[in-house]
Amino acid sequence: MKKLLLLLLCFPLCVSAQQELTFEHDGLTREYYLYVPDNLPANAPLLFVLHGRTSFADAIMMYSGFNQLADTNGFVACYPQGTVGIDGVTHWNSNFFTGVDDLGFITSLAEHLQTEYGLSTDHTFSCGMSNGGFMSYTLACEAPDVFKGIASVTGSMSGYDWQNCNPSTPVPVFQISGKTDVVVPYAGTLGTTGGFPGSEDVIEFWRTQNMCTTTETQTVSPIIEGVFHRGGINGNQVWLYPLENWGHTWPGAWVFTTSQIDAAREIWKFFTLVIEGNATPIEGELEEAKVAIYPNPVQDLLKVELGDVKANAYQLYDIHGKEVLAGDIQGAEIEVSLGQLKQGMYFLWIAGRGYEVFVR
């Protein structure tokens, strides 16, 4: 796997509990990272974290922040690697792309890890970014006996899953979506080739599946009015966080953005509810967002407002950890022209912190 900035710049995520491993499935040697905290309790939960299309397992491990949560909340985090498709980029076969048996790979790997580490078969979950969110929905549809809850950040259900999903048991679902996402639009793209439903339609589907009896709207952050469907089968809940003026970006963790939430903490809060029947506090506080980056995704000119952050230079890296741009910073605002770059995800590095940037 590519080692990205994780190894090139030695982020705080460099830890001894992290392992790079392989698993044989369907004639292929598949790779994954596994984070096992010290003093792990017996029958601990297992969380799969799935990267987006064109991305890598070590990238989402780096920016999501789940390793730190695993330390403080006692669960194992698994970051499997997707395969390279005929278009030359990494992906998950979420009944959206064809080819590799990712459903079989991920479910088999989950069962292997449950046995190998004595992990809970009742508290195994999946979440993911973009295509990783799509894949998490595929797991909810086709493997609800293994995955007892899922969360999707900027993902949706594939058209096939939307038409054919009929889980044998209801699965709690949590969706986080940017309302100005141009990669996976909030309203969906049904009716087009490869179309998918909008976030509200997806949540309504799972609300119905779980037979939730109450709905409540609460302010989660200045840009999020969360929708909480509660009182479902087995106490299941279905949540939606629609982010105003937000694009195709993972909120929070080491990417300190203007969302003012940490997606990983909110996701683990949701899964904790599944485990214990109520949301319990997550240790630690999210540092106040200080740097504003927009528009994101960006087509040409990226604007950065530093606020009270002091910095005299910036660097931009591609997903392989190669520096593609660098420049000086004078003042509290900068503009960076990215029109010459290929489409995809990059990492903007300012004052010791990284920020996701998507070029379209």
Protein backbone atom coordinates (compact mmCIF):
# COMPACT_ATOMS: atom_id res chain seq x y z
CA MET A 1 0.00 0.00 0.00
CA LYS A 2 1.01 3.58 -0.46
CA LYS A 3 2.46 5.04 2.71
CA LEU A 4 1.18 8.56 2.17
CA LEU A 5 1.95 11.36 4.56
CA LEU A 6 1.52 8.97 7.46
CA LEU A 7 5.05 7.72 6.98
CA LEU A 8 6.53 10.62 5.04
CA LEU A 9 5.76 13.25 7.66
CA CYS A 10 5.31 11.05 10.76
CA PHE A 11 1.94 12.24 12.00
CA PRO A 12 0.91 11.59 15.61
CA LEU A 13 -0.97 8.53 14.33
CA CYS A 14 2.31 6.56 14.17
CA VAL A 15 1.70 3.97 16.88
CA SER A 16 2.97 0.52 17.82
CA ALA A 17 -0.55 -0.97 18.00
CA GLN A 18 -0.98 -0.54 14.24
CA GLN A 19 -0.33 -3.52 11.96
CA GLU A 20 -0.24 -3.91 8.17
CA LEU A 21 -1.62 -7.39 7.37
CA THR A 22 -2.89 -9.52 4.50
CA PHE A 23 -5.90 -11.81 4.06
CA GLU A 24 -6.51 -14.36 1.32
CA HIS A 25 -9.94 -14.28 -0.30
CA ASP A 26 -11.25 -15.53 -3.63
CA GLY A 27 -7.74 -16.13 -4.93
CA LEU A 28 -6.53 -12.64 -4.08
CA THR A 29 -4.16 -11.41 -1.39
CA ARG A 30 -5.94 -8.46 0.18
CA GLU A 31 -4.28 -5.87 2.41
CA TYR A 32 -5.57 -4.12 5.50
CA TYR A 33 -4.41 -2.10 8.48
CA LEU A 34 -5.49 -3.17 11.94
CA TYR A 35 -5.33 -1.02 15.07
CA VAL A 36 -5.57 -3.00 18.30
CA PRO A 37 -5.31 -0.88 21.48
CA ASP A 38 -3.34 -2.07 24.47
CA ASN A 39 -5.36 -3.72 27.26
CA LEU A 40 -8.27 -4.43 24.91
CA PRO A 41 -11.26 -5.80 26.86
CA ALA A 42 -12.70 -9.20 26.02
CA ASN A 43 -15.48 -9.28 23.43
CA ALA A 44 -14.58 -5.78 22.26
CA PRO A 45 -16.37 -4.11 19.32
CA LEU A 46 -14.90 -4.21 15.80
CA LEU A 47 -15.18 -1.25 13.42
CA PHE A 48 -14.42 -1.35 9.70
CA VAL A 49 -13.44 2.01 8.15
CA LEU A 50 -13.63 2.05 4.34
CA HIS A 51 -11.81 4.58 2.16
CA GLY A 52 -13.34 6.37 -0.82
CA ARG A 53 -12.83 5.76 -4.52
CA THR A 54 -9.28 6.72 -5.67
CA SER A 55 -8.13 6.68 -2.03
CA PHE A 56 -6.28 4.26 0.25
CA ALA A 57 -6.65 2.53 3.60
CA ASP A 58 -3.80 4.46 5.21
CA ALA A 59 -5.30 7.77 4.05
CA ILE A 60 -8.59 7.30 5.88
CA MET A 61 -6.76 5.88 8.88
CA MET A 62 -4.74 9.08 8.93
CA TYR A 63 -7.51 11.65 8.60
CA SER A 64 -10.49 10.01 10.28
CA GLY A 65 -9.12 9.86 13.84
CA PHE A 66 -10.56 6.45 14.79
CA ASN A 67 -7.30 5.11 16.23
CA GLN A 68 -7.40 7.66 19.04
CA LEU A 69 -11.05 6.79 19.73
CA ALA A 70 -10.17 3.09 19.76
CA ASP A 71 -7.61 3.80 22.51
CA THR A 72 -10.06 5.68 24.72
CA ASN A 73 -13.16 3.58 24.01
CA GLY A 74 -11.80 0.04 23.70
CA PHE A 75 -12.52 -1.19 20.18
CA VAL A 76 -10.52 -2.55 17.23
CA ALA A 77 -10.36 -0.48 14.02
CA CYS A 78 -9.83 -2.23 10.68
CA TYR A 79 -8.92 -0.33 7.49
CA PRO A 80 -9.12 -2.67 4.47
CA GLN A 81 -7.74 -1.73 1.05
CA GLY A 82 -9.91 -1.69 -2.07
CA THR A 83 -8.65 -3.01 -5.39
CA VAL A 84 -7.71 -1.13 -8.56
CA GLY A 85 -10.43 -1.27 -11.21
CA ILE A 86 -10.23 -1.18 -15.00
CA ASP A 87 -10.18 2.63 -14.79
CA GLY A 88 -6.91 2.45 -12.87
CA VAL A 89 -8.19 3.73 -9.52
CA THR A 90 -9.03 2.07 -6.21
CA HIS A 91 -12.64 1.31 -5.38
CA TRP A 92 -15.13 -0.93 -3.59
CA ASN A 93 -17.57 -3.11 -5.51
CA SER A 94 -20.68 -1.74 -3.80
CA ASN A 95 -22.98 -3.12 -6.50
CA PHE A 96 -22.00 0.08 -8.27
CA PHE A 97 -18.75 -1.17 -9.74
CA THR A 98 -18.30 -4.75 -10.96
CA GLY A 99 -15.61 -7.34 -10.54
CA VAL A 100 -14.03 -8.17 -7.19
CA ASP A 101 -16.06 -9.85 -4.43
CA ASP A 102 -15.66 -7.12 -1.81
CA LEU A 103 -18.79 -8.22 0.02
CA GLY A 104 -17.27 -11.65 0.56
CA PHE A 105 -13.85 -10.21 1.40
CA ILE A 106 -15.05 -7.79 4.07
CA THR A 107 -17.50 -10.19 5.71
CA SER A 108 -14.94 -13.02 5.72
CA LEU A 109 -12.30 -10.70 7.16
CA ALA A 110 -14.74 -9.57 9.87
CA GLU A 111 -15.45 -13.16 10.87
CA HIS A 112 -11.72 -13.94 10.87
CA LEU A 113 -10.94 -10.98 13.14
CA GLN A 114 -13.80 -11.81 15.47
CA THR A 115 -12.31 -15.27 15.98
CA GLU A 116 -8.63 -14.26 15.99
CA TYR A 117 -9.02 -11.47 18.56
CA GLY A 118 -12.10 -12.61 20.48
CA LEU A 119 -14.16 -9.67 19.22
CA SER A 120 -17.90 -9.19 19.55
CA THR A 121 -20.12 -10.72 16.89
CA ASP A 122 -22.95 -8.50 18.13
CA HIS A 123 -20.97 -5.26 17.90
CA THR A 124 -19.27 -5.30 14.51
CA PHE A 125 -19.85 -2.15 12.45
CA SER A 126 -18.83 -0.48 9.20
CA CYS A 127 -18.44 3.13 8.15
CA GLY A 128 -16.84 4.81 5.19
CA MET A 129 -16.17 7.88 3.11
CA SER A 130 -17.90 8.27 -0.27
CA ASN A 131 -17.55 4.90 -2.08
CA GLY A 132 -16.73 3.47 1.36
CA GLY A 133 -20.14 4.74 2.49
CA PHE A 134 -21.77 3.07 -0.52
CA MET A 135 -20.01 -0.17 0.43
CA SER A 136 -21.21 0.12 4.03
CA TYR A 137 -24.79 0.25 2.75
CA THR A 138 -24.11 -2.89 0.68
CA LEU A 139 -22.98 -4.61 3.89
CA ALA A 140 -26.16 -3.45 5.66
CA CYS A 141 -28.29 -4.80 2.82
CA GLU A 142 -26.51 -8.11 2.27
CA ALA A 143 -24.67 -8.94 5.50
CA PRO A 144 -26.82 -7.66 8.41
CA ASP A 145 -26.01 -10.86 10.29
CA VAL A 146 -22.37 -9.68 10.48
CA PHE A 147 -22.62 -5.87 10.50
CA LYS A 148 -24.96 -4.59 13.20
CA GLY A 149 -24.82 -0.91 12.24
CA ILE A 150 -23.32 1.29 9.54
CA ALA A 151 -22.44 4.93 8.96
CA SER A 152 -21.83 6.72 5.67
CA VAL A 153 -19.99 10.01 5.20
CA THR A 154 -20.75 11.57 1.78
CA GLY A 155 -21.93 8.21 0.45
CA SER A 156 -25.29 6.79 -0.60
CA MET A 157 -26.82 3.50 -1.78
CA SER A 158 -25.99 2.22 -5.25
CA GLY A 159 -28.87 2.04 -7.70
CA TYR A 160 -28.79 -1.75 -7.44
CA ASP A 161 -28.94 -1.69 -3.64
CA TRP A 162 -31.72 0.89 -3.76
CA GLN A 163 -33.81 -1.41 -5.96
CA ASN A 164 -32.92 -4.72 -4.31
CA CYS A 165 -32.05 -4.11 -0.65
CA ASN A 166 -34.08 -6.43 1.57
CA PRO A 167 -32.11 -7.07 4.76
CA SER A 168 -33.06 -10.09 6.84
CA THR A 169 -32.90 -7.92 9.95
CA PRO A 170 -33.08 -4.12 10.34
CA VAL A 171 -29.76 -2.27 10.68
CA PRO A 172 -29.23 1.09 12.44
CA VAL A 173 -27.97 3.67 9.93
CA PHE A 174 -26.23 7.06 10.25
CA GLN A 175 -25.73 9.32 7.23
CA ILE A 176 -23.55 12.47 7.12
CA SER A 177 -23.93 14.48 3.89
CA GLY A 178 -22.85 17.84 2.54
CA LYS A 179 -25.75 19.70 0.96
CA THR A 180 -23.44 21.27 -1.63
CA ASP A 181 -21.62 18.02 -2.44
CA VAL A 182 -21.08 17.88 -6.21
CA VAL A 183 -19.44 14.43 -6.18
CA VAL A 184 -22.28 12.60 -4.43
CA PRO A 185 -25.11 15.17 -4.56
CA TYR A 186 -27.39 15.42 -1.54
CA ALA A 187 -30.49 15.09 -3.75
CA GLY A 188 -29.12 12.02 -5.53
CA THR A 189 -28.95 11.26 -9.25
CA LEU A 190 -31.68 8.67 -9.80
CA GLY A 191 -32.78 8.50 -13.42
CA THR A 192 -29.22 8.82 -14.73
CA THR A 193 -26.74 6.11 -15.64
CA GLY A 194 -25.31 4.76 -12.41
CA GLY A 195 -27.75 6.90 -10.42
CA PHE A 196 -28.30 6.73 -6.68
CA PRO A 197 -30.95 8.06 -4.26
CA GLY A 198 -30.67 11.25 -2.24
CA SER A 199 -29.69 11.26 1.41
CA GLU A 200 -33.21 11.97 2.70
CA ASP A 201 -34.67 9.15 0.60
CA VAL A 202 -32.01 6.75 1.91
CA ILE A 203 -32.76 7.69 5.51
CA GLU A 204 -36.50 7.33 4.93
CA PHE A 205 -35.89 3.82 3.55
CA TRP A 206 -33.96 2.78 6.65
CA ARG A 207 -36.40 4.55 8.98
CA THR A 208 -39.10 2.35 7.47
CA GLN A 209 -36.94 -0.77 7.68
CA ASN A 210 -36.29 -0.12 11.37
CA MET A 211 -39.91 0.90 12.04
CA CYS A 212 -38.86 4.00 13.98
CA THR A 213 -41.77 5.56 15.83
CA THR A 214 -40.52 9.08 16.66
CA THR A 215 -38.61 11.80 14.82
CA GLU A 216 -36.76 14.72 16.38
CA THR A 217 -34.65 17.54 14.95
CA GLN A 218 -31.81 18.95 17.04
CA THR A 219 -29.04 21.48 16.44
CA VAL A 220 -25.74 19.58 16.29
CA SER A 221 -23.49 22.43 15.13
CA PRO A 222 -23.97 25.87 13.55
CA ILE A 223 -24.30 24.19 10.13
CA ILE A 224 -26.12 20.97 11.11
CA GLU A 225 -29.73 20.37 12.09
CA GLY A 226 -29.59 16.66 12.86
CA VAL A 227 -32.62 14.45 12.19
CA PHE A 228 -33.03 11.59 14.69
CA HIS A 229 -35.48 8.76 14.07
CA ARG A 230 -35.88 6.73 17.26
CA GLY A 231 -37.94 3.93 18.79
CA GLY A 232 -37.24 1.33 16.11
CA ILE A 233 -37.02 -2.45 16.28
CA ASN A 234 -34.61 -3.49 19.05
CA GLY A 235 -34.39 0.18 20.00
CA ASN A 236 -32.68 0.97 16.67
CA GLN A 237 -32.20 4.55 15.55
CA VAL A 238 -31.58 6.17 12.17
CA TRP A 239 -29.74 9.51 12.02
CA LEU A 240 -29.12 12.11 9.33
CA TYR A 241 -26.65 14.99 9.59
CA PRO A 242 -27.16 17.33 6.59
CA LEU A 243 -24.30 19.87 6.52
CA GLU A 244 -25.12 23.28 5.08
CA ASN A 245 -22.59 24.72 2.60
CA TRP A 246 -20.54 21.54 2.83
CA GLY A 247 -19.01 19.51 0.04
CA HIS A 248 -17.41 16.10 -0.42
CA THR A 249 -15.21 16.21 2.69
CA TRP A 250 -14.86 14.24 5.93
CA PRO A 251 -15.65 16.59 8.84
CA GLY A 252 -13.33 16.90 11.79
CA ALA A 253 -10.51 14.80 13.27
CA TRP A 254 -7.08 16.12 12.21
CA VAL A 255 -8.75 17.90 9.28
CA PHE A 256 -9.88 20.92 11.29
CA THR A 257 -12.59 22.40 9.12
CA THR A 258 -15.56 24.68 9.64
CA SER A 259 -18.00 21.81 10.29
CA GLN A 260 -17.39 22.10 14.06
CA ILE A 261 -18.06 18.37 14.42
CA ASP A 262 -15.76 15.38 14.35
CA ALA A 263 -17.38 12.72 12.16
CA ALA A 264 -15.49 9.88 13.87
CA ARG A 265 -16.69 10.93 17.33
CA GLU A 266 -20.28 11.30 16.13
CA ILE A 267 -20.12 7.91 14.41
CA TRP A 268 -18.74 6.20 17.50
CA LYS A 269 -21.39 7.93 19.61
CA PHE A 270 -23.99 6.37 17.30
CA PHE A 271 -22.43 2.90 17.53
CA THR A 272 -22.12 3.26 21.31
CA LEU A 273 -25.87 3.78 21.35
CA VAL A 274 -26.26 0.48 19.49
CA ILE A 275 -23.96 -1.25 21.99
CA GLU A 276 -25.37 0.18 25.21
CA GLY A 277 -28.82 1.38 24.30
CA ASN A 278 -28.01 5.06 24.85
CA ALA A 279 -25.43 7.56 23.66
CA THR A 280 -22.54 7.86 26.10
CA PRO A 281 -20.02 10.71 26.24
CA ILE A 282 -16.97 10.42 24.03
CA GLU A 283 -13.72 11.22 25.81
CA GLY A 284 -11.96 14.40 24.75
CA GLU A 285 -13.18 17.53 23.05
CA LEU A 286 -12.92 18.53 19.41
CA GLU A 287 -10.54 21.43 19.01
CA GLU A 288 -12.28 24.53 17.70
CA ALA A 289 -12.06 24.83 13.93
CA LYS A 290 -9.79 27.70 12.94
CA VAL A 291 -8.99 27.41 9.24
CA ALA A 292 -11.64 27.90 6.55
CA ILE A 293 -11.00 26.32 3.13
CA TYR A 294 -13.39 26.93 0.24
CA PRO A 295 -14.73 26.04 -2.24
CA ASN A 296 -14.13 22.37 -1.57
CA PRO A 297 -14.33 20.54 -3.96
CA VAL A 298 -12.49 23.17 -6.01
CA GLN A 299 -12.13 23.54 -9.75
CA ASP A 300 -9.49 26.27 -9.90
CA LEU A 301 -8.93 28.85 -7.17
CA LEU A 302 -8.78 27.62 -3.57
CA LYS A 303 -9.21 30.24 -0.85
CA VAL A 304 -7.87 29.75 2.67
CA GLU A 305 -8.69 31.93 5.68
CA LEU A 306 -6.25 31.31 8.51
CA GLY A 307 -8.06 33.10 11.31
CA ASP A 308 -5.67 33.23 14.26
CA VAL A 309 -3.43 30.44 12.91
CA LYS A 310 0.14 31.65 12.36
CA ALA A 311 1.94 30.21 9.34
CA ASN A 312 4.46 31.42 6.78
CA ALA A 313 4.23 28.59 4.24
CA TYR A 314 1.97 25.87 2.90
CA GLN A 315 2.50 22.57 1.07
CA LEU A 316 0.07 20.49 -1.00
CA TYR A 317 0.53 16.72 -1.30
CA ASP A 318 -1.17 14.15 -3.50
CA ILE A 319 -2.54 10.90 -2.05
CA HIS A 320 0.85 9.22 -2.56
CA GLY A 321 2.59 11.75 -0.31
CA LYS A 322 4.29 13.59 -3.19
CA GLU A 323 4.53 17.37 -2.82
CA VAL A 324 2.80 18.97 -5.82
CA LEU A 325 2.66 22.61 -4.72
CA ALA A 326 4.22 24.88 -2.09
CA GLY A 327 4.21 28.57 -1.35
CA ASP A 328 4.69 31.36 1.12
CA ILE A 329 1.95 32.81 3.31
CA GLN A 330 1.73 36.52 4.01
CA GLY A 331 -1.26 37.71 5.99
CA ALA A 332 -4.39 35.87 7.14
CA GLU A 333 -5.72 34.86 3.70
CA ILE A 334 -4.23 33.06 0.72
CA GLU A 335 -5.40 31.97 -2.70
CA VAL A 336 -3.94 28.91 -4.43
CA SER A 337 -4.54 28.06 -8.08
CA LEU A 338 -5.21 24.31 -8.48
CA GLY A 339 -6.62 24.31 -12.01
CA GLN A 340 -3.53 22.56 -13.37
CA LEU A 341 -3.94 19.52 -11.09
CA LYS A 342 -5.64 16.24 -11.92
CA GLN A 343 -8.98 15.48 -10.32
CA GLY A 344 -8.79 13.76 -6.95
CA MET A 345 -7.99 14.21 -3.26
CA TYR A 346 -5.01 16.20 -1.98
CA PHE A 347 -3.73 17.22 1.45
CA LEU A 348 -3.03 20.87 2.25
CA TRP A 349 -0.45 21.20 5.05
CA ILE A 350 -0.45 24.39 7.12
CA ALA A 351 1.09 25.01 10.55
CA GLY A 352 1.45 21.33 11.41
CA ARG A 353 -2.07 20.29 10.38
CA GLY A 354 -3.49 18.64 7.28
CA TYR A 355 -6.68 19.52 5.43
CA GLU A 356 -8.42 17.50 2.72
CA VAL A 357 -8.86 19.24 -0.61
CA PHE A 358 -10.80 17.72 -3.52
CA VAL A 359 -10.04 18.93 -7.05
CA ARG A 360 -12.72 18.39 -9.66
